[in-house]
Amino acid sequence: VRAGTASYRWMQVEDGAARVLSAGNLHTSLTGQNLVIKRGVLVDSGQFTFRLYASSDPTELANLDTCVYCGFAEVTVMRNLPPASGRLVTSPAQGYAQDTLFTLSAESWVDPPIPQ
C-alpha cells in the first residue's frame, strides 16, 4: 500500500468492556488513521481493546470477516480508577505571596491497582 492510498476502519474488540466507539464519543472518525476518544468516555476501570483495519480496497472494509486484503493492528488501553482518600497539606497554613515559602504535601492517598 502506497502512502495516502489506504482506507481505514476502527473497531472495538469484544472483551466485555463497555462499548465506546460511537460518533458521539469520538473527536475523530471511525474511518481515519487516528482514534481520539472524548474526555469522560472511559469512566469504568478495566481494559479496552481497539483494532485498526487497513486496506488498499475500501470495499473490503465493509465486511471484515471476509476481508482478504486487510491488515490490522490493535492496542489495549488500561483504565485505572483515580486515587482516593487523600488530602493536600500546606505548610505553613498562612503566609504572604512572594514572601513565604510554602510546602505542599499529598498524604494518605490510596491508588487501587490496575485491574488484571
Foldseek 3Di string as FASTA:
>chain_A
DDPPQKWKAKDWDDDPDDDQPDPVQFPDDRTDPDTGGDPPRRQDFDKTKMKMKMFSDVVLVVDVVPRPGIDMDMDMDGGFHDKDDKDKDKPPPDDDPPPDDIDIDIDDIDGDDRDD
